[in-house]
Structures are given as structure tokens and as C-alpha cells.
Amino acid sequence: MEKVDTVIIGAGVIGLAIARQLARPGKSVFVLEQHDRFGEETSSRNSEVIHAGIYYPSGSLKAFLCVRGKALLYNYCEQHRIPCRRTGKLIVATTAAETGQLKHIYSHAAANGVRDLQWLSQEKLKEKEPAVTGIAALFSPSTGIIDSHTYMQTLLMEATQNDAELVTGTRVLSMSCNNVQDGFLVTAVTNGETYQFHSRTLINAAGLGAQQIATDLPGKTPIPPLYYCKGHYYSLQGSCQPFRHLVYPVPEQNTTGLGIHATLDLAGNTRFGPDTAYIDTVDYRMSAEAPESWYAAIRRYWPALPDGALQPDYSGIRPKLQQAGEASQDFVIQGHETHGLPGLIHLFGIESPGLTASLALAGYVESLLEGQDPREHLQ
């Protein structure tokens, strides 16, 4: 039976970042991916935004790993010439009540370590983004966009240069652990062929499938519930692209997302989304036309949006740990102190800002495996 040092289940951006972090010459790392290519699910169906860390609850893993990961990601992109851009982001208030919310957002961001936000008056907002209508705004200069596919390619390249191996078209059938000191027996199928191998370390980074993977293992793993939250994206037709920055409304109270916002790709094209729609099964289909509610939401900050200008682009599904209407839940990263199995790490609910946080999250996992305090180690 083949023996490997580490098995990582899932070749999304998180699995690839962890593989790059753990790979060493002479240490075997297998990344098992059920699809034929890496990053086929949540990692390639998002806004490709590098987030600043503004909204997440202070002290949460999302806030900590986003702020730390943002700095690491920009440095990594510069070192490896990965396309990215610090576009900056505007959070736009259109009413007096929303202006009060901006003040709260400003204070909250500072508590998270985001201290570069700039307050813009109505006049300054118009200077920075003439097409946008609002009475005040916050500007986040450290928010940006990234070519996520090139980023994942680079992570994989670095991992494989250090003896890691990506095994695609592979579905994990079962896992077992007879003795906490013996590691894990993994049974998988590739191209119809079933095989087994032994791994000392097992990382569950399966994203939408993480909870199902966890049910196969013994131990005292408290598996959080999983809720599929679908988000649609519609792109702006025509050659006129109105924005130079990302444009977000002030988040609505007691909602799951941040509202229908405008993001850019690296070619300068504009797309809007995502919304939040809880679904029961994985389904990426979209309506051929954006709902009228989308036009109304966008026209709050861009009244000039023409009728019929939105065309379907793509959709993505976020692995939420809360139902609609419930308070947002933090990332859940479980090591042996939680489930009692040394060498096993479960990652649940890794949605936004997972892309931004990916390098910091990989360091967090490595610290857990080495018995270090991750927050102190990553400072």
C-alpha cells in the first residue's frame, strides 16, 4: 500500500495554498480533486476581489486572516507577476441614515486593523467616480482585484516543484483511522479504478463537500450545518464602462450579503452581483434576464443604468454555515484539540474572504499541525 505524508482533499484555492505551504522536497503531498481541473467550484465562481477586511466581526478568523492575507497576497502577486490591481473600493451612502452607517463601518474597520479608509464628501465622491450618485462615501484604497486562475496556477506550480502532486478526477470513497497514531487510510476512485493509500496527515479542504467528507471519519468532530447560498453575476453590455473603482452600496441590515455591487475585471469590464439565494442542491443555472429588483438596487448609486443592459455572466455557490436571516458565522478550522485526531484538519464554511485569506489560512493550518498558536505565529 502506498504511503504519503499528506493528503489534501480539494484543489480549490485553499487546498492549493495549503499544498504550496506544506510541500517540501522528499515529503509527499497528494491533492485529490473530484473535478478534471483545479478550482472548478467556489474558487472560480466569485468576484475575484482582494478584500480589505472591513466588515467582518472584530476578533473573528475572517477579519484576522483577511487583513493578514491581503498583505501576503499582494506581495505574492508582485513576486510572481500575477495580474492584480489595487482598484480601490467605494462604499456609497445615498441617504442620511446610510451616512450614519458609514461612520460605524469606518470605526469597525479600524478595529479590524484596516486604518486606510478615507471619508469622501458628496463633492469628493463625484470627483473620484463621476457616474456614481451618493451623498457620502468611504474609499478603501487597499481593496483590489486579482486573476484568480493565474494565482491558482502559480500555487500549483510552486507546490509541484516541491514534490506535491495534483490528482484530478478523483473521488474519495471513504476514510478510516484505526489508531490515532497510525494516520489515515484513504479509499478513492480515479477513472473507475479504486485504490487505497495511507497518509500521516489529512486536510479536509473540500469546500462545498467538506461536511460530507467529515462524516466518514471517527473522532468527536462537531460538524457544522452546511447551507448552499447561490450568487448570480450579470455583466454590463456595451463598450461604455462607467466605473474606475469597485462600487458597493452600504450593506442592508440583517442580510447575508453586501448588496448588489459593481466589480471590475482586469480588462476594465463591469459586472454586478452577487445576490444571495439559498438553494437545496448545487445548480449554476441563471435566468437570461436580470430581475427588475437588480436594476432598482443598482440605480440607487448609478441612476444612468440603461434598461436591458445586464446580461447573464456566471453564478457561484458559497458554503454558508448559517441559514437565511441568521447571523453570519465565522470560518471553522478544526485541529486535533477539537476532534482528538492528530494530523487531521477540517475547514468548514470557507467562503469570502477565502481567496484573500488563502495564504494566511495556509499558514494557519501549518501552525495547527505544528502545535503552535496560529494567531501568534502569523502576526
Protein backbone atom coordinates (compact mmCIF):
# COMPACT_ATOMS: atom_id res chain seq x y z
CA MET A 1 0.00 0.00 0.00
CA GLU A 2 1.34 3.42 -0.96
CA LYS A 3 2.14 5.74 1.91
CA VAL A 4 2.19 9.53 1.67
CA ASP A 5 2.95 12.25 4.16
CA THR A 6 -0.05 14.50 3.48
CA VAL A 7 -3.36 14.19 1.64
CA ILE A 8 -5.31 17.35 0.88
CA ILE A 9 -8.89 16.85 -0.27
CA GLY A 10 -9.95 19.66 -2.60
CA ALA A 11 -7.94 21.61 -5.18
CA GLY A 12 -9.63 24.95 -4.81
CA VAL A 13 -7.59 28.00 -3.90
CA ILE A 14 -7.45 26.91 -0.25
CA GLY A 15 -6.29 23.37 -0.97
CA LEU A 16 -3.65 24.64 -3.41
CA ALA A 17 -2.41 27.29 -0.97
CA ILE A 18 -2.07 24.65 1.75
CA ALA A 19 -0.26 22.32 -0.66
CA ARG A 20 2.19 25.07 -1.52
CA GLN A 21 2.68 25.78 2.20
CA LEU A 22 3.29 22.16 3.22
CA ALA A 23 5.17 20.83 0.18
CA ARG A 24 8.84 20.05 0.76
CA PRO A 25 11.33 18.08 -1.34
CA GLY A 26 11.22 14.50 -0.12
CA LYS A 27 7.82 14.94 1.57
CA SER A 28 4.94 13.53 -0.47
CA VAL A 29 1.79 15.67 -0.73
CA PHE A 30 -1.24 14.47 -2.71
CA VAL A 31 -4.02 16.91 -3.60
CA LEU A 32 -7.17 14.99 -4.53
CA GLU A 33 -9.72 16.78 -6.70
CA GLN A 34 -13.03 15.31 -7.89
CA HIS A 35 -13.19 17.51 -10.99
CA ASP A 36 -10.91 17.32 -14.02
CA ARG A 37 -9.28 20.67 -13.21
CA PHE A 38 -8.42 22.65 -10.11
CA GLY A 39 -10.64 25.48 -8.82
CA GLU A 40 -13.84 24.40 -10.57
CA GLU A 41 -16.28 25.42 -7.83
CA THR A 42 -16.25 28.35 -5.38
CA SER A 43 -12.68 29.39 -6.23
CA SER A 44 -13.51 30.23 -9.84
CA ARG A 45 -17.07 31.49 -9.31
CA ASN A 46 -16.61 34.65 -7.29
CA SER A 47 -15.88 38.36 -7.70
CA GLU A 48 -12.07 37.92 -7.72
CA VAL A 49 -11.88 40.76 -5.20
CA ILE A 50 -8.98 41.21 -2.80
CA HIS A 51 -10.89 42.34 0.27
CA ALA A 52 -9.62 44.84 2.82
CA GLY A 53 -11.22 43.24 5.90
CA ILE A 54 -13.75 45.97 6.63
CA TYR A 55 -16.98 44.25 7.66
CA TYR A 56 -16.07 41.02 9.45
CA PRO A 57 -16.67 40.78 13.21
CA SER A 58 -13.68 42.05 15.17
CA GLY A 59 -11.60 39.20 16.54
CA SER A 60 -13.04 36.69 14.05
CA LEU A 61 -10.91 34.41 11.91
CA LYS A 62 -12.39 36.10 8.85
CA ALA A 63 -11.15 39.51 9.98
CA PHE A 64 -7.75 38.29 11.19
CA LEU A 65 -6.97 36.11 8.17
CA CYS A 66 -8.32 38.64 5.65
CA VAL A 67 -6.17 41.53 6.90
CA ARG A 68 -3.08 39.34 7.19
CA GLY A 69 -3.82 37.51 3.94
CA LYS A 70 -4.34 40.71 1.96
CA ALA A 71 -0.77 41.84 2.61
CA LEU A 72 0.62 38.39 1.83
CA LEU A 73 -1.41 38.13 -1.38
CA TYR A 74 -0.33 41.49 -2.79
CA ASN A 75 3.30 40.63 -2.05
CA TYR A 76 2.90 37.19 -3.62
CA CYS A 77 1.35 38.67 -6.78
CA GLU A 78 4.21 41.13 -7.09
CA GLN A 79 6.86 38.46 -6.61
CA HIS A 80 5.30 36.08 -9.14
CA ARG A 81 3.92 38.67 -11.59
CA ILE A 82 0.34 37.54 -11.08
CA PRO A 83 -2.09 40.05 -12.62
CA CYS A 84 -3.81 42.11 -9.94
CA ARG A 85 -4.72 45.74 -9.39
CA ARG A 86 -5.42 47.91 -6.36
CA THR A 87 -8.53 49.41 -7.86
CA GLY A 88 -9.86 50.76 -4.59
CA LYS A 89 -13.44 50.44 -3.46
CA LEU A 90 -16.19 52.94 -2.74
CA ILE A 91 -18.91 52.27 -0.16
CA VAL A 92 -21.63 54.72 -1.13
CA ALA A 93 -24.32 56.24 1.11
CA THR A 94 -27.43 57.55 -0.65
CA THR A 95 -29.42 58.62 2.46
CA ALA A 96 -28.69 60.38 5.73
CA ALA A 97 -29.27 57.12 7.63
CA GLU A 98 -26.68 55.38 5.48
CA THR A 99 -24.19 58.15 6.21
CA GLY A 100 -24.51 57.22 9.88
CA GLN A 101 -23.82 53.61 8.95
CA LEU A 102 -20.66 54.69 7.12
CA LYS A 103 -19.35 56.16 10.38
CA HIS A 104 -19.92 52.83 12.11
CA ILE A 105 -18.21 50.97 9.26
CA TYR A 106 -15.23 53.32 9.49
CA SER A 107 -14.79 52.63 13.23
CA HIS A 108 -15.34 48.90 12.82
CA ALA A 109 -12.75 48.67 10.04
CA ALA A 110 -10.18 50.43 12.21
CA ALA A 111 -10.82 47.90 14.98
CA ASN A 112 -10.04 45.16 12.46
CA GLY A 113 -6.73 46.80 11.57
CA VAL A 114 -7.98 48.48 8.39
CA ARG A 115 -6.85 52.06 9.01
CA ASP A 116 -6.55 53.42 5.49
CA LEU A 117 -10.23 54.21 4.82
CA GLN A 118 -10.90 57.72 3.56
CA TRP A 119 -14.08 59.71 4.11
CA LEU A 120 -15.44 61.34 0.95
CA SER A 121 -17.94 64.16 0.83
CA GLN A 122 -20.51 64.31 -1.95
CA GLU A 123 -18.19 66.58 -3.93
CA LYS A 124 -15.14 64.35 -3.43
CA LEU A 125 -17.17 61.29 -4.37
CA LYS A 126 -18.21 62.96 -7.63
CA GLU A 127 -14.59 63.81 -8.38
CA LYS A 128 -13.42 60.25 -7.79
CA GLU A 129 -16.30 58.48 -9.56
CA PRO A 130 -18.40 60.89 -11.66
CA ALA A 131 -21.01 58.30 -12.66
CA VAL A 132 -21.89 57.45 -9.05
CA THR A 133 -24.65 59.24 -7.15
CA GLY A 134 -24.38 59.50 -3.37
CA ILE A 135 -24.20 61.96 -0.52
CA ALA A 136 -21.05 60.50 1.07
CA ALA A 137 -18.74 57.51 0.72
CA LEU A 138 -15.85 55.63 2.22
CA PHE A 139 -12.90 54.85 -0.02
CA SER A 140 -10.84 51.72 0.62
CA PRO A 141 -7.53 52.06 -1.29
CA SER A 142 -6.31 48.56 -0.36
CA THR A 143 -9.24 46.72 -1.98
CA GLY A 144 -8.38 45.27 -5.38
CA ILE A 145 -8.91 42.55 -7.95
CA ILE A 146 -6.86 39.51 -8.99
CA ASP A 147 -6.65 36.97 -11.79
CA SER A 148 -7.63 34.03 -9.61
CA HIS A 149 -6.89 31.40 -12.26
CA THR A 150 -3.28 32.56 -12.71
CA TYR A 151 -2.95 32.73 -8.93
CA MET A 152 -4.09 29.12 -8.54
CA GLN A 153 -1.81 28.03 -11.39
CA THR A 154 1.13 29.62 -9.60
CA LEU A 155 0.30 27.99 -6.28
CA LEU A 156 0.10 24.62 -8.03
CA MET A 157 3.37 25.20 -9.86
CA GLU A 158 5.20 26.00 -6.62
CA ALA A 159 3.66 23.01 -4.87
CA THR A 160 4.57 20.56 -7.63
CA GLN A 161 8.12 21.94 -7.80
CA ASN A 162 8.40 20.75 -4.19
CA ASP A 163 7.12 17.22 -4.90
CA ALA A 164 3.39 17.78 -4.40
CA GLU A 165 1.08 16.04 -6.87
CA LEU A 166 -2.39 17.03 -8.08
CA VAL A 167 -4.63 14.01 -8.76
CA THR A 168 -7.76 15.12 -10.64
CA GLY A 169 -10.91 13.18 -11.49
CA THR A 170 -10.64 11.54 -8.09
CA ARG A 171 -13.45 10.98 -5.63
CA VAL A 172 -12.81 9.98 -2.04
CA LEU A 173 -14.99 6.97 -1.19
CA SER A 174 -14.12 6.51 2.46
CA MET A 175 -11.57 7.24 5.15
CA SER A 176 -10.75 5.44 8.36
CA CYS A 177 -8.45 5.72 11.32
CA ASN A 178 -7.78 2.60 13.39
CA ASN A 179 -5.35 4.23 15.79
CA VAL A 180 -4.76 7.91 16.44
CA GLN A 181 -1.02 7.38 15.98
CA ASP A 182 -1.29 5.43 12.72
CA GLY A 183 -2.67 8.13 10.44
CA PHE A 184 -5.45 7.62 7.94
CA LEU A 185 -6.48 5.03 5.38
CA VAL A 186 -7.99 6.72 2.33
CA THR A 187 -10.02 4.86 -0.29
CA ALA A 188 -10.51 6.74 -3.57
CA VAL A 189 -11.55 6.12 -7.15
CA THR A 190 -9.90 7.59 -10.25
CA ASN A 191 -11.22 6.85 -13.76
CA GLY A 192 -13.18 3.91 -12.39
CA GLU A 193 -10.21 2.38 -10.59
CA THR A 194 -10.43 2.06 -6.81
CA TYR A 195 -7.27 2.18 -4.72
CA GLN A 196 -6.13 2.81 -1.15
CA PHE A 197 -3.23 4.61 0.46
CA HIS A 198 -2.08 5.60 3.91
CA SER A 199 -1.47 9.21 4.95
CA ARG A 200 0.04 10.60 8.15
CA THR A 201 -1.71 13.96 7.70
CA LEU A 202 -5.15 14.63 6.24
CA ILE A 203 -6.50 18.08 5.31
CA ASN A 204 -10.21 18.39 4.50
CA ALA A 205 -10.40 21.45 2.22
CA ALA A 206 -13.30 20.17 0.15
CA GLY A 207 -15.35 23.38 0.22
CA LEU A 208 -18.95 22.53 -0.64
CA GLY A 209 -18.19 18.89 0.17
CA ALA A 210 -16.29 19.38 3.43
CA GLN A 211 -19.15 18.34 5.71
CA GLN A 212 -19.78 15.14 3.77
CA ILE A 213 -16.08 14.25 3.88
CA ALA A 214 -16.01 14.80 7.64
CA THR A 215 -18.84 12.34 8.28
CA ASP A 216 -16.59 9.46 7.22
CA LEU A 217 -14.07 9.97 9.99
CA PRO A 218 -14.24 8.90 13.63
CA GLY A 219 -13.48 11.24 16.48
CA LYS A 220 -15.53 13.93 18.15
CA THR A 221 -15.82 16.24 15.16
CA PRO A 222 -18.71 18.71 15.69
CA ILE A 223 -19.73 19.11 12.06
CA PRO A 224 -21.49 22.44 11.46
CA PRO A 225 -24.53 22.51 9.17
CA LEU A 226 -23.99 23.44 5.52
CA TYR A 227 -26.26 25.75 3.53
CA TYR A 228 -25.79 26.40 -0.18
CA CYS A 229 -26.03 30.14 -0.90
CA LYS A 230 -26.11 30.95 -4.60
CA GLY A 231 -24.97 34.26 -6.02
CA HIS A 232 -25.59 35.44 -9.57
CA TYR A 233 -23.43 37.82 -11.60
CA TYR A 234 -24.61 39.93 -14.52
CA SER A 235 -22.21 41.84 -16.76
CA LEU A 236 -22.76 45.24 -18.33
CA GLN A 237 -23.32 45.18 -22.08
CA GLY A 238 -21.77 47.72 -24.40
CA SER A 239 -18.44 49.47 -24.75
CA CYS A 240 -19.18 52.15 -22.15
CA GLN A 241 -17.81 51.04 -18.78
CA PRO A 242 -18.74 53.70 -16.22
CA PHE A 243 -16.51 52.97 -13.21
CA ARG A 244 -12.82 53.15 -12.35
CA HIS A 245 -13.28 51.65 -8.88
CA LEU A 246 -15.35 48.93 -7.26
CA VAL A 247 -18.66 50.40 -6.09
CA TYR A 248 -20.60 48.96 -3.16
CA PRO A 249 -23.81 50.16 -1.53
CA VAL A 250 -23.98 50.45 2.24
CA PRO A 251 -24.86 46.90 3.35
CA GLU A 252 -28.50 46.39 4.15
CA GLN A 253 -29.26 45.43 7.71
CA ASN A 254 -29.82 41.75 8.55
CA THR A 255 -28.91 40.41 5.13
CA THR A 256 -26.49 37.68 4.18
CA GLY A 257 -24.53 39.59 1.54
CA LEU A 258 -23.25 43.08 0.87
CA GLY A 259 -25.88 44.13 -1.66
CA ILE A 260 -25.64 44.22 -5.45
CA HIS A 261 -22.28 45.86 -6.06
CA ALA A 262 -20.20 46.72 -9.11
CA THR A 263 -16.88 44.99 -9.62
CA LEU A 264 -14.35 45.15 -12.43
CA ASP A 265 -12.25 42.57 -14.18
CA LEU A 266 -8.65 43.24 -15.15
CA ALA A 267 -9.76 44.36 -18.63
CA GLY A 268 -11.94 47.06 -17.06
CA ASN A 269 -15.27 45.39 -17.78
CA THR A 270 -18.07 45.85 -15.26
CA ARG A 271 -20.15 43.14 -13.66
CA PHE A 272 -22.74 43.32 -10.89
CA GLY A 273 -23.51 40.91 -8.09
CA PRO A 274 -23.75 38.69 -6.28
CA ASP A 275 -27.17 38.40 -4.74
CA THR A 276 -27.97 35.76 -2.12
CA ALA A 277 -30.34 32.89 -2.86
CA TYR A 278 -30.40 29.82 -0.64
CA ILE A 279 -30.82 26.59 -2.61
CA ASP A 280 -31.06 22.89 -1.78
CA THR A 281 -28.75 21.43 -4.45
CA VAL A 282 -25.74 22.61 -6.45
CA ASP A 283 -27.16 24.35 -9.52
CA TYR A 284 -25.34 27.03 -11.52
CA ARG A 285 -28.12 27.86 -13.98
CA MET A 286 -29.10 31.51 -14.45
CA SER A 287 -32.04 33.47 -15.76
CA ALA A 288 -31.47 35.05 -19.16
CA GLU A 289 -32.50 38.43 -17.78
CA ALA A 290 -31.64 40.17 -14.54
CA PRO A 291 -34.65 40.73 -12.27
CA GLU A 292 -36.09 44.24 -12.09
CA SER A 293 -35.02 44.34 -8.44
CA TRP A 294 -31.41 44.34 -9.63
CA TYR A 295 -31.97 47.43 -11.76
CA ALA A 296 -33.63 49.20 -8.84
CA ALA A 297 -30.76 48.30 -6.47
CA ILE A 298 -28.03 49.42 -8.89
CA ARG A 299 -29.83 52.65 -9.79
CA ARG A 300 -29.64 53.75 -6.17
CA TYR A 301 -25.97 54.56 -6.79
CA TRP A 302 -25.91 54.56 -10.62
CA PRO A 303 -29.18 56.08 -11.90
CA ALA A 304 -27.95 56.03 -15.52
CA LEU A 305 -28.11 52.22 -15.83
CA PRO A 306 -29.97 51.63 -19.13
CA ASP A 307 -32.89 49.23 -19.37
CA GLY A 308 -31.85 45.79 -20.58
CA ALA A 309 -28.12 46.47 -20.12
CA LEU A 310 -27.42 43.48 -17.86
CA GLN A 311 -26.58 40.12 -19.39
CA PRO A 312 -26.02 36.82 -17.54
CA ASP A 313 -22.38 36.08 -16.77
CA TYR A 314 -21.99 33.28 -14.22
CA SER A 315 -23.08 32.11 -10.78
CA GLY A 316 -21.35 30.71 -7.75
CA ILE A 317 -22.31 28.89 -4.56
CA ARG A 318 -20.98 29.79 -1.12
CA PRO A 319 -20.74 27.17 1.66
CA LYS A 320 -22.58 29.11 4.35
CA LEU A 321 -22.78 27.90 7.94
CA GLN A 322 -25.94 29.87 8.66
CA GLN A 323 -29.44 29.93 7.24
CA ALA A 324 -31.03 32.97 5.65
CA GLY A 325 -31.70 35.61 8.28
CA GLU A 326 -29.25 34.20 10.82
CA ALA A 327 -26.11 35.99 11.94
CA SER A 328 -23.06 35.39 9.76
CA GLN A 329 -20.81 32.61 11.00
CA ASP A 330 -17.03 32.59 11.13
CA PHE A 331 -14.66 30.19 9.40
CA VAL A 332 -14.45 26.90 11.30
CA ILE A 333 -10.97 25.34 11.30
CA GLN A 334 -10.70 22.23 13.47
CA GLY A 335 -7.48 20.62 14.61
CA HIS A 336 -6.80 17.71 16.95
CA GLU A 337 -7.72 19.75 20.03
CA THR A 338 -11.30 19.72 18.72
CA HIS A 339 -11.74 16.19 17.39
CA GLY A 340 -8.89 14.28 19.07
CA LEU A 341 -7.19 13.02 15.89
CA PRO A 342 -3.61 14.29 15.42
CA GLY A 343 -2.75 15.18 11.84
CA LEU A 344 -6.35 15.92 10.81
CA ILE A 345 -7.58 19.41 9.87
CA HIS A 346 -11.14 20.19 8.85
CA LEU A 347 -12.02 23.51 7.15
CA PHE A 348 -15.72 24.41 7.11
CA GLY A 349 -17.52 27.44 5.72
CA ILE A 350 -14.57 28.84 3.77
CA GLU A 351 -16.38 31.42 1.69
CA SER A 352 -15.49 35.09 1.22
CA PRO A 353 -12.86 36.30 2.12
CA GLY A 354 -11.30 32.89 1.47
CA LEU A 355 -9.49 33.96 -1.70
CA THR A 356 -7.96 36.99 0.02
CA ALA A 357 -7.14 35.00 3.15
CA SER A 358 -5.77 31.93 1.35
CA LEU A 359 -2.06 32.37 2.08
CA ALA A 360 -2.67 33.33 5.70
CA LEU A 361 -5.10 30.45 6.05
CA ALA A 362 -2.46 28.04 4.73
CA GLY A 363 -0.04 29.34 7.35
CA TYR A 364 -2.75 28.92 9.99
CA VAL A 365 -3.18 25.25 9.05
CA GLU A 366 0.58 24.64 9.15
CA SER A 367 0.74 26.21 12.62
CA LEU A 368 -2.03 23.94 13.88
CA LEU A 369 -0.19 20.88 12.57
CA GLU A 370 3.00 22.01 14.30
CA GLY A 371 1.22 22.65 17.61
CA GLN A 372 1.79 26.41 17.51
CA ASP A 373 -0.65 29.18 18.32
CA PRO A 374 -1.66 30.28 14.80
CA ARG A 375 -2.57 33.84 15.70
CA GLU A 376 0.74 34.47 17.41
CA HIS A 377 2.70 32.68 14.67
CA LEU A 378 1.06 34.75 11.91
CA GLN A 379 1.50 38.18 13.49
